[in-house]
Amino acid sequence: MTKDAGNMIQTLTIAIQAHTRAGDIINTYFPYLTAVEGIKLGAIIFEKNVHTLSCCG
């Protein structure tokens, strides 16, 4: 488990409770490079073909 799991769980909990869509997460600012930015990168796969992305989304 990552040391930042609490931050990631909190972010996802708020997103789920607010019925947040993948596009909302994609358009939200996440400081780079943090563990919770992985949530944004994960959301991108719902709207883009990951095989066409650069290394940084």
N, C-alpha and C. Protein backbone atom coordinates (compact mmCIF):
# COMPACT_ATOMS: atom_id res chain seq x y z
N MET A 1 0.85 -1.18 0.00
CA MET A 1 0.00 0.00 0.00
C MET A 1 0.89 1.24 0.00
N THR A 2 0.51 2.22 -0.74
CA THR A 2 1.26 3.45 -0.84
C THR A 2 1.04 4.33 0.39
N LYS A 3 2.04 5.11 0.72
CA LYS A 3 1.91 6.01 1.88
C LYS A 3 0.87 7.10 1.63
N ASP A 4 0.48 7.30 0.40
CA ASP A 4 -0.51 8.32 0.05
C ASP A 4 -1.91 7.74 -0.15
N ALA A 5 -2.11 6.51 0.27
CA ALA A 5 -3.41 5.85 0.04
C ALA A 5 -4.55 6.63 0.68
N GLY A 6 -4.34 7.21 1.84
CA GLY A 6 -5.39 7.99 2.50
C GLY A 6 -5.86 9.15 1.66
N ASN A 7 -4.94 9.86 1.03
CA ASN A 7 -5.29 10.98 0.16
C ASN A 7 -6.08 10.49 -1.06
N MET A 8 -5.66 9.36 -1.60
CA MET A 8 -6.33 8.83 -2.78
C MET A 8 -7.75 8.37 -2.42
N ILE A 9 -7.88 7.68 -1.29
CA ILE A 9 -9.20 7.20 -0.87
C ILE A 9 -10.13 8.37 -0.60
N GLN A 10 -9.63 9.41 0.06
CA GLN A 10 -10.45 10.58 0.35
C GLN A 10 -10.92 11.25 -0.93
N THR A 11 -10.03 11.41 -1.89
CA THR A 11 -10.39 12.03 -3.17
C THR A 11 -11.45 11.21 -3.89
N LEU A 12 -11.27 9.90 -3.93
CA LEU A 12 -12.26 9.04 -4.60
C LEU A 12 -13.58 9.02 -3.85
N THR A 13 -13.55 9.05 -2.53
CA THR A 13 -14.78 9.07 -1.74
C THR A 13 -15.61 10.31 -2.05
N ILE A 14 -14.96 11.45 -2.09
CA ILE A 14 -15.66 12.70 -2.42
C ILE A 14 -16.21 12.63 -3.84
N ALA A 15 -15.42 12.12 -4.77
CA ALA A 15 -15.86 12.03 -6.16
C ALA A 15 -17.08 11.12 -6.29
N ILE A 16 -17.07 9.99 -5.60
CA ILE A 16 -18.19 9.06 -5.67
C ILE A 16 -19.43 9.66 -5.04
N GLN A 17 -19.29 10.29 -3.89
CA GLN A 17 -20.44 10.90 -3.22
C GLN A 17 -21.06 12.02 -4.04
N ALA A 18 -20.24 12.70 -4.82
CA ALA A 18 -20.72 13.82 -5.64
C ALA A 18 -21.17 13.36 -7.04
N HIS A 19 -21.17 12.04 -7.26
CA HIS A 19 -21.55 11.47 -8.56
C HIS A 19 -20.71 12.06 -9.68
N THR A 20 -19.42 12.18 -9.42
CA THR A 20 -18.47 12.75 -10.36
C THR A 20 -18.25 11.80 -11.53
N ARG A 21 -18.18 12.37 -12.73
CA ARG A 21 -17.93 11.58 -13.93
C ARG A 21 -16.44 11.65 -14.27
N ALA A 22 -15.98 10.73 -15.09
CA ALA A 22 -14.57 10.69 -15.49
C ALA A 22 -14.13 12.04 -16.06
N GLY A 23 -14.96 12.66 -16.89
CA GLY A 23 -14.61 13.95 -17.49
C GLY A 23 -14.41 15.05 -16.46
N ASP A 24 -15.18 15.00 -15.38
CA ASP A 24 -15.01 15.98 -14.31
C ASP A 24 -13.64 15.82 -13.65
N ILE A 25 -13.24 14.58 -13.44
CA ILE A 25 -11.93 14.34 -12.82
C ILE A 25 -10.82 14.76 -13.77
N ILE A 26 -10.97 14.45 -15.05
CA ILE A 26 -9.96 14.83 -16.04
C ILE A 26 -9.76 16.34 -16.06
N ASN A 27 -10.83 17.09 -15.92
CA ASN A 27 -10.75 18.55 -15.98
C ASN A 27 -10.44 19.21 -14.65
N THR A 28 -10.14 18.41 -13.63
CA THR A 28 -9.77 18.93 -12.32
C THR A 28 -8.26 19.03 -12.22
N TYR A 29 -7.78 20.09 -11.62
CA TYR A 29 -6.33 20.26 -11.45
C TYR A 29 -5.83 19.34 -10.36
N PHE A 30 -4.84 18.54 -10.67
CA PHE A 30 -4.12 17.72 -9.70
C PHE A 30 -2.64 18.09 -9.81
N PRO A 31 -2.01 18.45 -8.72
CA PRO A 31 -0.58 18.78 -8.79
C PRO A 31 0.20 17.59 -9.35
N TYR A 32 1.16 17.88 -10.18
CA TYR A 32 1.97 16.82 -10.78
C TYR A 32 3.32 16.80 -10.09
N LEU A 33 3.78 15.86 -9.71
CA LEU A 33 3.58 14.44 -9.73
C LEU A 33 3.24 14.01 -8.31
N THR A 34 2.02 13.68 -8.09
CA THR A 34 1.57 13.20 -6.78
C THR A 34 0.83 11.88 -6.96
N ALA A 35 0.66 11.18 -5.88
CA ALA A 35 -0.04 9.90 -5.95
C ALA A 35 -1.49 10.08 -6.38
N VAL A 36 -2.15 11.13 -5.91
CA VAL A 36 -3.56 11.30 -6.27
C VAL A 36 -3.75 11.69 -7.73
N GLU A 37 -2.69 12.13 -8.40
CA GLU A 37 -2.83 12.41 -9.81
C GLU A 37 -3.12 11.12 -10.58
N GLY A 38 -2.77 10.00 -9.98
CA GLY A 38 -3.09 8.71 -10.59
C GLY A 38 -4.59 8.54 -10.80
N ILE A 39 -5.40 9.18 -9.94
CA ILE A 39 -6.85 9.14 -10.11
C ILE A 39 -7.23 9.81 -11.42
N LYS A 40 -6.62 10.95 -11.70
CA LYS A 40 -6.91 11.65 -12.96
C LYS A 40 -6.46 10.81 -14.14
N LEU A 41 -5.27 10.26 -14.06
CA LEU A 41 -4.78 9.44 -15.16
C LEU A 41 -5.66 8.21 -15.36
N GLY A 42 -6.16 7.65 -14.26
CA GLY A 42 -7.08 6.53 -14.36
C GLY A 42 -8.38 6.92 -15.03
N ALA A 43 -8.86 8.12 -14.76
CA ALA A 43 -10.11 8.59 -15.36
C ALA A 43 -9.95 8.80 -16.87
N ILE A 44 -8.76 9.17 -17.30
CA ILE A 44 -8.52 9.42 -18.72
C ILE A 44 -8.82 8.19 -19.57
N ILE A 45 -8.58 7.00 -19.02
CA ILE A 45 -8.79 5.79 -19.83
C ILE A 45 -10.25 5.59 -20.19
N PHE A 46 -11.17 6.26 -19.50
CA PHE A 46 -12.58 6.13 -19.84
C PHE A 46 -12.96 6.97 -21.06
N GLU A 47 -12.10 7.93 -21.43
CA GLU A 47 -12.45 8.82 -22.53
C GLU A 47 -11.43 8.85 -23.67
N LYS A 48 -10.27 8.23 -23.48
CA LYS A 48 -9.24 8.27 -24.52
C LYS A 48 -8.64 6.88 -24.72
N ASN A 49 -8.13 6.66 -25.89
CA ASN A 49 -7.40 5.43 -26.18
C ASN A 49 -6.00 5.58 -25.61
N VAL A 50 -5.69 4.82 -24.58
CA VAL A 50 -4.40 4.98 -23.90
C VAL A 50 -3.22 4.68 -24.80
N HIS A 51 -3.43 3.93 -25.86
CA HIS A 51 -2.33 3.61 -26.76
C HIS A 51 -1.90 4.81 -27.59
N THR A 52 -2.72 5.86 -27.62
CA THR A 52 -2.37 7.05 -28.40
C THR A 52 -1.80 8.17 -27.54
N LEU A 53 -1.71 7.96 -26.23
CA LEU A 53 -1.24 9.00 -25.32
C LEU A 53 0.27 9.02 -25.25
N SER A 54 0.81 10.20 -24.91
CA SER A 54 2.24 10.30 -24.63
C SER A 54 2.49 9.71 -23.25
N CYS A 55 3.71 9.75 -22.83
CA CYS A 55 4.05 9.18 -21.52
C CYS A 55 3.34 9.90 -20.38
N CYS A 56 2.92 11.13 -20.59
CA CYS A 56 2.37 11.94 -19.49
C CYS A 56 0.89 12.22 -19.66
N GLY A 57 0.19 11.48 -20.46
CA GLY A 57 -1.25 11.65 -20.62
C GLY A 57 -1.60 12.84 -21.42
